[in-house]
Amino acid sequence: MTTPAEWAPPACTLPTAERPLRLAEFDDLFTRSVRSVRRAGPTHVTLTLAPAPGRADAVRDLARRETACCSFFAFQVKDADPLRLEITVPAAYAPVLDALADRAARLARITA
């Protein structure tokens, strides 16, 4: 299982005490919402999410808060059918994106 350290490289400014709470928010999103995880390259992942009222706004809020502390993430919510979350990072942070994508797939019970 991915450890919080893999999610929080030194560039992350989220206080250490708040990191488990943020990880739990992502875990909830992955478990309840993720329907597919697609790699578009080493620095780009697309998560397809199940539709639900208010989900796009909740995902935007989570993405905004994550970008505030981990500015290397770039999130874009595609409010279409299907709802998608595009995540990109600079090449130096590809291992962090790998950990996020692996965790999303595992918690969503997606097999290759």
Protein backbone atom coordinates (compact mmCIF):
# COMPACT_ATOMS: atom_id res chain seq x y z
CA MET A 1 0.00 0.00 0.00
CA THR A 2 1.20 3.51 -0.77
CA THR A 3 2.51 5.34 2.26
CA PRO A 4 1.78 9.00 3.00
CA ALA A 5 5.48 9.71 2.37
CA GLU A 6 5.05 8.67 -1.27
CA TRP A 7 2.20 11.13 -1.59
CA ALA A 8 3.96 13.95 0.16
CA PRO A 9 7.35 14.77 -1.32
CA PRO A 10 9.40 17.58 0.23
CA ALA A 11 7.68 20.11 -2.09
CA CYS A 12 4.37 19.50 -0.29
CA THR A 13 3.51 22.27 2.15
CA LEU A 14 0.47 20.60 3.73
CA PRO A 15 1.11 20.36 7.48
CA THR A 16 2.12 16.83 8.45
CA ALA A 17 -0.84 16.48 10.83
CA GLU A 18 -3.28 17.18 7.98
CA ARG A 19 -1.78 14.72 5.50
CA PRO A 20 -3.68 11.64 6.72
CA LEU A 21 -6.94 13.57 6.37
CA ARG A 22 -6.14 14.57 2.79
CA LEU A 23 -5.10 11.01 1.98
CA ALA A 24 -8.46 9.83 3.35
CA GLU A 25 -10.26 12.31 1.07
CA PHE A 26 -8.46 10.93 -1.97
CA ASP A 27 -9.08 7.37 -0.82
CA ASP A 28 -12.80 8.11 -0.54
CA LEU A 29 -12.82 9.62 -4.04
CA PHE A 30 -10.95 6.64 -5.45
CA THR A 31 -13.13 4.05 -3.71
CA ARG A 32 -16.50 5.64 -4.43
CA SER A 33 -15.98 7.36 -7.76
CA VAL A 34 -13.15 6.10 -9.94
CA ARG A 35 -14.27 3.87 -12.79
CA SER A 36 -11.05 3.84 -14.82
CA VAL A 37 -7.45 4.99 -14.63
CA ARG A 38 -5.75 5.74 -17.93
CA ARG A 39 -2.09 6.66 -18.33
CA ALA A 40 -1.49 9.11 -21.17
CA GLY A 41 2.24 9.14 -20.45
CA PRO A 42 4.56 9.23 -17.45
CA THR A 43 3.32 12.66 -16.37
CA HIS A 44 -0.38 12.45 -17.23
CA VAL A 45 -3.22 10.37 -15.78
CA THR A 46 -6.93 10.51 -16.50
CA LEU A 47 -9.40 9.26 -13.90
CA THR A 48 -12.91 8.57 -15.17
CA LEU A 49 -15.41 9.17 -12.38
CA ALA A 50 -18.92 7.92 -11.77
CA PRO A 51 -21.49 10.68 -12.13
CA ALA A 52 -23.25 11.97 -9.04
CA PRO A 53 -24.91 15.25 -8.06
CA GLY A 54 -22.28 17.71 -6.86
CA ARG A 55 -19.35 15.38 -7.57
CA ALA A 56 -17.65 17.67 -10.10
CA ASP A 57 -17.71 20.57 -7.63
CA ALA A 58 -16.40 18.35 -4.81
CA VAL A 59 -13.56 17.11 -7.02
CA ARG A 60 -12.71 20.68 -8.06
CA ASP A 61 -12.56 21.67 -4.39
CA LEU A 62 -10.28 18.76 -3.50
CA ALA A 63 -8.06 19.52 -6.50
CA ARG A 64 -7.88 23.21 -5.59
CA ARG A 65 -6.85 22.40 -2.02
CA GLU A 66 -4.26 19.85 -3.16
CA THR A 67 -2.74 22.27 -5.65
CA ALA A 68 -2.47 24.88 -2.88
CA CYS A 69 -0.08 22.66 -0.94
CA CYS A 70 1.46 20.63 -3.78
CA SER A 71 1.82 23.15 -6.57
CA PHE A 72 3.48 20.62 -8.87
CA PHE A 73 0.06 19.01 -9.50
CA ALA A 74 -2.12 20.34 -12.30
CA PHE A 75 -5.71 19.14 -12.07
CA GLN A 76 -8.46 19.72 -14.59
CA VAL A 77 -12.01 18.50 -14.11
CA LYS A 78 -13.70 17.67 -17.41
CA ASP A 79 -17.36 18.15 -16.63
CA ALA A 80 -18.64 16.04 -19.51
CA ASP A 81 -20.03 12.59 -20.02
CA PRO A 82 -18.13 10.87 -18.59
CA LEU A 83 -16.82 13.07 -15.78
CA ARG A 84 -13.02 13.01 -15.84
CA LEU A 85 -10.18 14.26 -13.69
CA GLU A 86 -7.01 15.00 -15.68
CA ILE A 87 -3.84 15.07 -13.56
CA THR A 88 -0.44 16.17 -14.81
CA VAL A 89 2.88 16.74 -13.09
CA PRO A 90 6.38 17.82 -14.13
CA ALA A 91 8.69 14.88 -14.96
CA ALA A 92 10.48 15.15 -11.61
CA TYR A 93 7.19 14.23 -9.87
CA ALA A 94 6.27 11.26 -12.07
CA PRO A 95 6.86 8.83 -9.14
CA VAL A 96 4.27 10.74 -7.08
CA LEU A 97 1.79 10.50 -9.94
CA ASP A 98 2.60 6.79 -10.25
CA ALA A 99 1.74 6.30 -6.57
CA LEU A 100 -1.51 8.23 -6.98
CA ALA A 101 -2.55 6.27 -10.09
CA ASP A 102 -1.65 2.93 -8.50
CA ARG A 103 -3.59 3.76 -5.36
CA ALA A 104 -6.61 4.94 -7.36
CA ALA A 105 -6.65 1.72 -9.40
CA ARG A 106 -6.21 -0.48 -6.32
CA LEU A 107 -8.93 1.23 -4.28
CA ALA A 108 -11.31 1.30 -7.24
CA ARG A 109 -10.55 -2.40 -7.75
CA ILE A 110 -9.45 -1.90 -11.32
CA THR A 111 -7.29 -4.65 -12.76
CA ALA A 112 -5.03 -4.34 -15.76
